[in-house]
Amino acid sequence: TVTLQMNSLKPEDTAVYYCNAGIRSSSRAG
């Protein structure tokens, strides 16, 4: 898991936030 604590938020922070991970999986090579 990963968490992003966002404080002192500004209107410029408005967006869709996407989680991302770099992974090695047993179901996909590489």
Full PDB file with SEQRES, HELIX, SHEET, SSBOND, CRYST1, ORIGX, SCALE, CONECT and MASTER records, all heavy atoms in Angstrom:
SEQRES   1 A   30  THR VAL THR LEU GLN MET ASN SER LEU LYS PRO GLU ASP          
SEQRES   2 A   30  THR ALA VAL TYR TYR CYS ASN ALA GLY ILE ARG SER SER          
SEQRES   3 A   30  SER ARG ALA GLY                                              
HELIX    1 AA1 PRO A   11  ASP A   13  5                                   3    
CRYST1    1.000    1.000    1.000  90.00  90.00  90.00 P 1           1          
ORIGX1      1.000000  0.000000  0.000000        0.00000                         
ORIGX2      0.000000  1.000000  0.000000        0.00000                         
ORIGX3      0.000000  0.000000  1.000000        0.00000                         
SCALE1      1.000000  0.000000  0.000000        0.00000                         
SCALE2      0.000000  1.000000  0.000000        0.00000                         
SCALE3      0.000000  0.000000  1.000000        0.00000                         
ATOM      1  N   THR A   1       0.829  -1.191   0.000  1.00  0.00           N  
ATOM      2  CA  THR A   1       0.000   0.000   0.000  1.00  0.00           C  
ATOM      3  C   THR A   1       0.869   1.248   0.000  1.00  0.00           C  
ATOM      4  O   THR A   1       2.012   1.233   0.453  1.00  0.00           O  
ATOM      5  CB  THR A   1      -0.939   0.048   1.213  1.00  0.00           C  
ATOM      6  OG1 THR A   1      -0.170   0.041   2.419  1.00  0.00           O  
ATOM      7  CG2 THR A   1      -1.885  -1.142   1.208  1.00  0.00           C  
ATOM      8  N   VAL A   2       0.305   2.320  -0.499  1.00  0.00           N  
ATOM      9  CA  VAL A   2       0.957   3.615  -0.480  1.00  0.00           C  
ATOM     10  C   VAL A   2      -0.084   4.662  -0.126  1.00  0.00           C  
ATOM     11  O   VAL A   2      -1.240   4.569  -0.541  1.00  0.00           O  
ATOM     12  CB  VAL A   2       1.647   3.935  -1.823  1.00  0.00           C  
ATOM     13  CG1 VAL A   2       0.627   4.031  -2.956  1.00  0.00           C  
ATOM     14  CG2 VAL A   2       2.473   5.206  -1.733  1.00  0.00           C  
ATOM     15  N   THR A   3       0.340   5.637   0.651  1.00  0.00           N  
ATOM     16  CA  THR A   3      -0.553   6.679   1.126  1.00  0.00           C  
ATOM     17  C   THR A   3       0.039   8.042   0.806  1.00  0.00           C  
ATOM     18  O   THR A   3       1.251   8.238   0.895  1.00  0.00           O  
ATOM     19  CB  THR A   3      -0.772   6.555   2.642  1.00  0.00           C  
ATOM     20  OG1 THR A   3      -1.378   5.302   2.941  1.00  0.00           O  
ATOM     21  CG2 THR A   3      -1.664   7.667   3.155  1.00  0.00           C  
ATOM     22  N   LEU A   4      -0.818   8.957   0.438  1.00  0.00           N  
ATOM     23  CA  LEU A   4      -0.408  10.335   0.204  1.00  0.00           C  
ATOM     24  C   LEU A   4      -1.197  11.236   1.139  1.00  0.00           C  
ATOM     25  O   LEU A   4      -2.413  11.390   0.973  1.00  0.00           O  
ATOM     26  CB  LEU A   4      -0.639  10.742  -1.245  1.00  0.00           C  
ATOM     27  CG  LEU A   4      -0.131  12.125  -1.640  1.00  0.00           C  
ATOM     28  CD1 LEU A   4       1.395  12.159  -1.606  1.00  0.00           C  
ATOM     29  CD2 LEU A   4      -0.645  12.517  -3.019  1.00  0.00           C  
ATOM     30  N   GLN A   5      -0.519  11.785   2.113  1.00  0.00           N  
ATOM     31  CA  GLN A   5      -1.125  12.748   3.020  1.00  0.00           C  
ATOM     32  C   GLN A   5      -0.952  14.129   2.416  1.00  0.00           C  
ATOM     33  O   GLN A   5       0.176  14.583   2.216  1.00  0.00           O  
ATOM     34  CB  GLN A   5      -0.474  12.680   4.400  1.00  0.00           C  
ATOM     35  CG  GLN A   5      -1.003  13.704   5.392  1.00  0.00           C  
ATOM     36  CD  GLN A   5      -2.445  13.474   5.755  1.00  0.00           C  
ATOM     37  OE1 GLN A   5      -2.841  12.355   6.061  1.00  0.00           O  
ATOM     38  NE2 GLN A   5      -3.246  14.534   5.714  1.00  0.00           N  
ATOM     39  N   MET A   6      -2.051  14.790   2.126  1.00  0.00           N  
ATOM     40  CA  MET A   6      -2.027  16.083   1.468  1.00  0.00           C  
ATOM     41  C   MET A   6      -2.532  17.142   2.428  1.00  0.00           C  
ATOM     42  O   MET A   6      -3.700  17.127   2.829  1.00  0.00           O  
ATOM     43  CB  MET A   6      -2.873  16.058   0.197  1.00  0.00           C  
ATOM     44  CG  MET A   6      -2.486  14.959  -0.784  1.00  0.00           C  
ATOM     45  SD  MET A   6      -3.395  15.057  -2.352  1.00  0.00           S  
ATOM     46  CE  MET A   6      -5.054  14.701  -1.758  1.00  0.00           C  
ATOM     47  N   ASN A   7      -1.663  18.042   2.796  1.00  0.00           N  
ATOM     48  CA  ASN A   7      -2.000  19.137   3.689  1.00  0.00           C  
ATOM     49  C   ASN A   7      -1.869  20.466   2.957  1.00  0.00           C  
ATOM     50  O   ASN A   7      -1.238  20.556   1.907  1.00  0.00           O  
ATOM     51  CB  ASN A   7      -1.085  19.133   4.914  1.00  0.00           C  
ATOM     52  CG  ASN A   7      -1.203  17.884   5.740  1.00  0.00           C  
ATOM     53  OD1 ASN A   7      -2.277  17.300   5.870  1.00  0.00           O  
ATOM     54  ND2 ASN A   7      -0.088  17.453   6.329  1.00  0.00           N  
ATOM     55  N   SER A   8      -2.458  21.492   3.545  1.00  0.00           N  
ATOM     56  CA  SER A   8      -2.395  22.838   2.968  1.00  0.00           C  
ATOM     57  C   SER A   8      -2.768  22.831   1.502  1.00  0.00           C  
ATOM     58  O   SER A   8      -2.097  23.425   0.655  1.00  0.00           O  
ATOM     59  CB  SER A   8      -0.994  23.427   3.167  1.00  0.00           C  
ATOM     60  OG  SER A   8      -0.648  23.480   4.532  1.00  0.00           O  
ATOM     61  N   LEU A   9      -3.859  22.180   1.200  1.00  0.00           N  
ATOM     62  CA  LEU A   9      -4.261  22.012  -0.185  1.00  0.00           C  
ATOM     63  C   LEU A   9      -4.630  23.337  -0.838  1.00  0.00           C  
ATOM     64  O   LEU A   9      -5.198  24.224  -0.203  1.00  0.00           O  
ATOM     65  CB  LEU A   9      -5.428  21.037  -0.280  1.00  0.00           C  
ATOM     66  CG  LEU A   9      -5.027  19.568  -0.153  1.00  0.00           C  
ATOM     67  CD1 LEU A   9      -6.226  18.705   0.204  1.00  0.00           C  
ATOM     68  CD2 LEU A   9      -4.391  19.085  -1.452  1.00  0.00           C  
ATOM     69  N   LYS A  10      -4.298  23.437  -2.098  1.00  0.00           N  
ATOM     70  CA  LYS A  10      -4.557  24.618  -2.899  1.00  0.00           C  
ATOM     71  C   LYS A  10      -5.478  24.268  -4.056  1.00  0.00           C  
ATOM     72  O   LYS A  10      -5.529  23.125  -4.484  1.00  0.00           O  
ATOM     73  CB  LYS A  10      -3.239  25.177  -3.459  1.00  0.00           C  
ATOM     74  CG  LYS A  10      -2.185  25.498  -2.421  1.00  0.00           C  
ATOM     75  CD  LYS A  10      -0.886  25.919  -3.093  1.00  0.00           C  
ATOM     76  CE  LYS A  10       0.186  26.233  -2.070  1.00  0.00           C  
ATOM     77  NZ  LYS A  10       1.458  26.627  -2.729  1.00  0.00           N  
ATOM     78  N   PRO A  11      -6.199  25.254  -4.576  1.00  0.00           N  
ATOM     79  CA  PRO A  11      -7.027  24.977  -5.752  1.00  0.00           C  
ATOM     80  C   PRO A  11      -6.244  24.366  -6.904  1.00  0.00           C  
ATOM     81  O   PRO A  11      -6.804  23.559  -7.664  1.00  0.00           O  
ATOM     82  CB  PRO A  11      -7.578  26.361  -6.118  1.00  0.00           C  
ATOM     83  CG  PRO A  11      -7.626  27.088  -4.818  1.00  0.00           C  
ATOM     84  CD  PRO A  11      -6.408  26.624  -4.068  1.00  0.00           C  
ATOM     85  N   GLU A  12      -4.984  24.725  -7.024  1.00  0.00           N  
ATOM     86  CA  GLU A  12      -4.148  24.172  -8.083  1.00  0.00           C  
ATOM     87  C   GLU A  12      -3.896  22.678  -7.931  1.00  0.00           C  
ATOM     88  O   GLU A  12      -3.426  22.035  -8.873  1.00  0.00           O  
ATOM     89  CB  GLU A  12      -2.793  24.903  -8.133  1.00  0.00           C  
ATOM     90  CG  GLU A  12      -2.905  26.409  -8.238  1.00  0.00           C  
ATOM     91  CD  GLU A  12      -2.894  27.079  -6.881  1.00  0.00           C  
ATOM     92  OE1 GLU A  12      -3.987  27.257  -6.300  1.00  0.00           O  
ATOM     93  OE2 GLU A  12      -1.792  27.429  -6.398  1.00  0.00           O  
ATOM     94  N   ASP A  13      -4.187  22.135  -6.762  1.00  0.00           N  
ATOM     95  CA  ASP A  13      -4.037  20.702  -6.541  1.00  0.00           C  
ATOM     96  C   ASP A  13      -5.211  19.905  -7.083  1.00  0.00           C  
ATOM     97  O   ASP A  13      -5.172  18.675  -7.091  1.00  0.00           O  
ATOM     98  CB  ASP A  13      -3.875  20.398  -5.050  1.00  0.00           C  
ATOM     99  CG  ASP A  13      -2.614  20.995  -4.464  1.00  0.00           C  
ATOM    100  OD1 ASP A  13      -1.552  20.912  -5.116  1.00  0.00           O  
ATOM    101  OD2 ASP A  13      -2.690  21.545  -3.340  1.00  0.00           O  
ATOM    102  N   THR A  14      -6.256  20.582  -7.498  1.00  0.00           N  
ATOM    103  CA  THR A  14      -7.423  19.904  -8.036  1.00  0.00           C  
ATOM    104  C   THR A  14      -7.047  19.092  -9.268  1.00  0.00           C  
ATOM    105  O   THR A  14      -6.479  19.619 -10.224  1.00  0.00           O  
ATOM    106  CB  THR A  14      -8.520  20.911  -8.393  1.00  0.00           C  
ATOM    107  OG1 THR A  14      -8.962  21.577  -7.211  1.00  0.00           O  
ATOM    108  CG2 THR A  14      -9.705  20.212  -9.048  1.00  0.00           C  
ATOM    109  N   ALA A  15      -7.358  17.816  -9.227  1.00  0.00           N  
ATOM    110  CA  ALA A  15      -7.009  16.916 -10.318  1.00  0.00           C  
ATOM    111  C   ALA A  15      -7.540  15.532  -9.996  1.00  0.00           C  
ATOM    112  O   ALA A  15      -7.992  15.266  -8.885  1.00  0.00           O  
ATOM    113  CB  ALA A  15      -5.489  16.854 -10.509  1.00  0.00           C  
ATOM    114  N   VAL A  16      -7.466  14.668 -10.977  1.00  0.00           N  
ATOM    115  CA  VAL A  16      -7.651  13.248 -10.726  1.00  0.00           C  
ATOM    116  C   VAL A  16      -6.295  12.676 -10.357  1.00  0.00           C  
ATOM    117  O   VAL A  16      -5.325  12.846 -11.099  1.00  0.00           O  
ATOM    118  CB  VAL A  16      -8.234  12.515 -11.941  1.00  0.00           C  
ATOM    119  CG1 VAL A  16      -8.337  11.022 -11.665  1.00  0.00           C  
ATOM    120  CG2 VAL A  16      -9.605  13.079 -12.289  1.00  0.00           C  
ATOM    121  N   TYR A  17      -6.244  12.026  -9.234  1.00  0.00           N  
ATOM    122  CA  TYR A  17      -5.002  11.458  -8.744  1.00  0.00           C  
ATOM    123  C   TYR A  17      -4.986   9.966  -9.020  1.00  0.00           C  
ATOM    124  O   TYR A  17      -5.928   9.245  -8.686  1.00  0.00           O  
ATOM    125  CB  TYR A  17      -4.843  11.726  -7.244  1.00  0.00           C  
ATOM    126  CG  TYR A  17      -4.444  13.144  -6.935  1.00  0.00           C  
ATOM    127  CD1 TYR A  17      -5.340  14.186  -7.129  1.00  0.00           C  
ATOM    128  CD2 TYR A  17      -3.160  13.448  -6.479  1.00  0.00           C  
ATOM    129  CE1 TYR A  17      -4.977  15.497  -6.878  1.00  0.00           C  
ATOM    130  CE2 TYR A  17      -2.785  14.749  -6.217  1.00  0.00           C  
ATOM    131  CZ  TYR A  17      -3.693  15.770  -6.417  1.00  0.00           C  
ATOM    132  OH  TYR A  17      -3.324  17.075  -6.157  1.00  0.00           O  
ATOM    133  N   TYR A  18      -3.906   9.508  -9.617  1.00  0.00           N  
ATOM    134  CA  TYR A  18      -3.759   8.119 -10.011  1.00  0.00           C  
ATOM    135  C   TYR A  18      -2.626   7.461  -9.250  1.00  0.00           C  
ATOM    136  O   TYR A  18      -1.519   7.996  -9.186  1.00  0.00           O  
ATOM    137  CB  TYR A  18      -3.459   8.004 -11.502  1.00  0.00           C  
ATOM    138  CG  TYR A  18      -4.556   8.488 -12.410  1.00  0.00           C  
ATOM    139  CD1 TYR A  18      -4.599   9.812 -12.837  1.00  0.00           C  
ATOM    140  CD2 TYR A  18      -5.549   7.617 -12.848  1.00  0.00           C  
ATOM    141  CE1 TYR A  18      -5.598  10.257 -13.676  1.00  0.00           C  
ATOM    142  CE2 TYR A  18      -6.552   8.060 -13.689  1.00  0.00           C  
ATOM    143  CZ  TYR A  18      -6.570   9.380 -14.102  1.00  0.00           C  
ATOM    144  OH  TYR A  18      -7.567   9.815 -14.943  1.00  0.00           O  
ATOM    145  N   CYS A  19      -2.908   6.320  -8.713  1.00  0.00           N  
ATOM    146  CA  CYS A  19      -1.871   5.509  -8.106  1.00  0.00           C  
ATOM    147  C   CYS A  19      -1.104   4.767  -9.192  1.00  0.00           C  
ATOM    148  O   CYS A  19      -1.670   4.373 -10.215  1.00  0.00           O  
ATOM    149  CB  CYS A  19      -2.502   4.520  -7.128  1.00  0.00           C  
ATOM    150  SG  CYS A  19      -1.324   3.516  -6.203  1.00  0.00           S  
ATOM    151  N   ASN A  20       0.172   4.584  -8.966  1.00  0.00           N  
ATOM    152  CA  ASN A  20       1.031   3.907  -9.926  1.00  0.00           C  
ATOM    153  C   ASN A  20       1.987   2.983  -9.191  1.00  0.00           C  
ATOM    154  O   ASN A  20       2.456   3.307  -8.101  1.00  0.00           O  
ATOM    155  CB  ASN A  20       1.819   4.939 -10.739  1.00  0.00           C  
ATOM    156  CG  ASN A  20       2.873   4.319 -11.626  1.00  0.00           C  
ATOM    157  OD1 ASN A  20       4.025   4.150 -11.216  1.00  0.00           O  
ATOM    158  ND2 ASN A  20       2.487   3.967 -12.841  1.00  0.00           N  
ATOM    159  N   ALA A  21       2.271   1.848  -9.798  1.00  0.00           N  
ATOM    160  CA  ALA A  21       3.226   0.926  -9.212  1.00  0.00           C  
ATOM    161  C   ALA A  21       4.025   0.236 -10.296  1.00  0.00           C  
ATOM    162  O   ALA A  21       3.481  -0.118 -11.347  1.00  0.00           O  
ATOM    163  CB  ALA A  21       2.520  -0.116  -8.345  1.00  0.00           C  
ATOM    164  N   GLY A  22       5.295   0.049 -10.047  1.00  0.00           N  
ATOM    165  CA  GLY A  22       6.160  -0.737 -10.913  1.00  0.00           C  
ATOM    166  C   GLY A  22       6.281  -2.129 -10.336  1.00  0.00           C  
ATOM    167  O   GLY A  22       6.787  -2.297  -9.228  1.00  0.00           O  
ATOM    168  N   ILE A  23       5.853  -3.119 -11.093  1.00  0.00           N  
ATOM    169  CA  ILE A  23       5.574  -4.440 -10.546  1.00  0.00           C  
ATOM    170  C   ILE A  23       6.217  -5.555 -11.364  1.00  0.00           C  
ATOM    171  O   ILE A  23       6.307  -5.482 -12.590  1.00  0.00           O  
ATOM    172  CB  ILE A  23       4.049  -4.672 -10.474  1.00  0.00           C  
ATOM    173  CG1 ILE A  23       3.423  -3.737  -9.441  1.00  0.00           C  
ATOM    174  CG2 ILE A  23       3.705  -6.115 -10.137  1.00  0.00           C  
ATOM    175  CD1 ILE A  23       1.917  -3.774  -9.420  1.00  0.00           C  
ATOM    176  N   ARG A  24       6.636  -6.586 -10.659  1.00  0.00           N  
ATOM    177  CA  ARG A  24       6.881  -7.891 -11.256  1.00  0.00           C  
ATOM    178  C   ARG A  24       5.785  -8.820 -10.782  1.00  0.00           C  
ATOM    179  O   ARG A  24       5.502  -8.914  -9.589  1.00  0.00           O  
ATOM    180  CB  ARG A  24       8.246  -8.434 -10.862  1.00  0.00           C  
ATOM    181  CG  ARG A  24       9.397  -7.780 -11.598  1.00  0.00           C  
ATOM    182  CD  ARG A  24      10.685  -8.572 -11.415  1.00  0.00           C  
ATOM    183  NE  ARG A  24      11.768  -8.006 -12.206  1.00  0.00           N  
ATOM    184  CZ  ARG A  24      12.014  -8.329 -13.468  1.00  0.00           C  
ATOM    185  NH1 ARG A  24      11.264  -9.240 -14.084  1.00  0.00           N  
ATOM    186  NH2 ARG A  24      13.015  -7.765 -14.116  1.00  0.00           N  
ATOM    187  N   SER A  25       5.175  -9.522 -11.726  1.00  0.00           N  
ATOM    188  CA  SER A  25       4.031 -10.366 -11.434  1.00  0.00           C  
ATOM    189  C   SER A  25       4.257 -11.780 -11.942  1.00  0.00           C  
ATOM    190  O   SER A  25       4.948 -11.997 -12.938  1.00  0.00           O  
ATOM    191  CB  SER A  25       2.769  -9.784 -12.070  1.00  0.00           C  
ATOM    192  OG  SER A  25       1.667 -10.658 -11.937  1.00  0.00           O  
ATOM    193  N   SER A  26       3.637 -12.724 -11.265  1.00  0.00           N  
ATOM    194  CA  SER A  26       3.697 -14.109 -11.714  1.00  0.00           C  
ATOM    195  C   SER A  26       2.834 -14.349 -12.947  1.00  0.00           C  
ATOM    196  O   SER A  26       2.981 -15.371 -13.616  1.00  0.00           O  
ATOM    197  CB  SER A  26       3.270 -15.053 -10.588  1.00  0.00           C  
ATOM    198  OG  SER A  26       1.940 -14.795 -10.182  1.00  0.00           O  
ATOM    199  N   SER A  27       1.934 -13.428 -13.253  1.00  0.00           N  
ATOM    200  CA  SER A  27       1.028 -13.586 -14.380  1.00  0.00           C  
ATOM    201  C   SER A  27       1.460 -12.824 -15.635  1.00  0.00           C  
ATOM    202  O   SER A  27       0.786 -12.909 -16.665  1.00  0.00           O  
ATOM    203  CB  SER A  27      -0.381 -13.141 -13.981  1.00  0.00           C  
ATOM    204  OG  SER A  27      -0.409 -11.769 -13.655  1.00  0.00           O  
ATOM    205  N   ARG A  28       2.559 -12.097 -15.557  1.00  0.00           N  
ATOM    206  CA  ARG A  28       3.048 -11.334 -16.699  1.00  0.00           C  
ATOM    207  C   ARG A  28       4.561 -11.241 -16.624  1.00  0.00           C  
ATOM    208  O   ARG A  28       5.111 -10.944 -15.567  1.00  0.00           O  
ATOM    209  CB  ARG A  28       2.409  -9.951 -16.715  1.00  0.00           C  
ATOM    210  CG  ARG A  28       2.869  -9.057 -17.858  1.00  0.00           C  
ATOM    211  CD  ARG A  28       2.090  -7.763 -17.866  1.00  0.00           C  
ATOM    212  NE  ARG A  28       2.623  -6.810 -18.818  1.00  0.00           N  
ATOM    213  CZ  ARG A  28       2.139  -5.604 -19.041  1.00  0.00           C  
ATOM    214  NH1 ARG A  28       1.066  -5.193 -18.362  1.00  0.00           N  
ATOM    215  NH2 ARG A  28       2.700  -4.811 -19.935  1.00  0.00           N  
ATOM    216  N   ALA A  29       5.206 -11.449 -17.736  1.00  0.00           N  
ATOM    217  CA  ALA A  29       6.660 -11.435 -17.775  1.00  0.00           C  
ATOM    218  C   ALA A  29       7.198 -10.020 -17.677  1.00  0.00           C  
ATOM    219  O   ALA A  29       6.577  -9.058 -18.151  1.00  0.00           O  
ATOM    220  CB  ALA A  29       7.154 -12.094 -19.057  1.00  0.00           C  
ATOM    221  N   GLY A  30       8.356  -9.903 -17.075  1.00  0.00           N  
ATOM    222  CA  GLY A  30       9.047  -8.636 -17.038  1.00  0.00           C  
ATOM    223  C   GLY A  30       8.579  -7.716 -15.926  1.00  0.00           C  
ATOM    224  O   GLY A  30       7.867  -8.112 -15.001  1.00  0.00           O  
TER     225      GLY A  30                                                      
MASTER        0    0    0    1    0    0    0    6  224    1    0    3          
END                                                                             
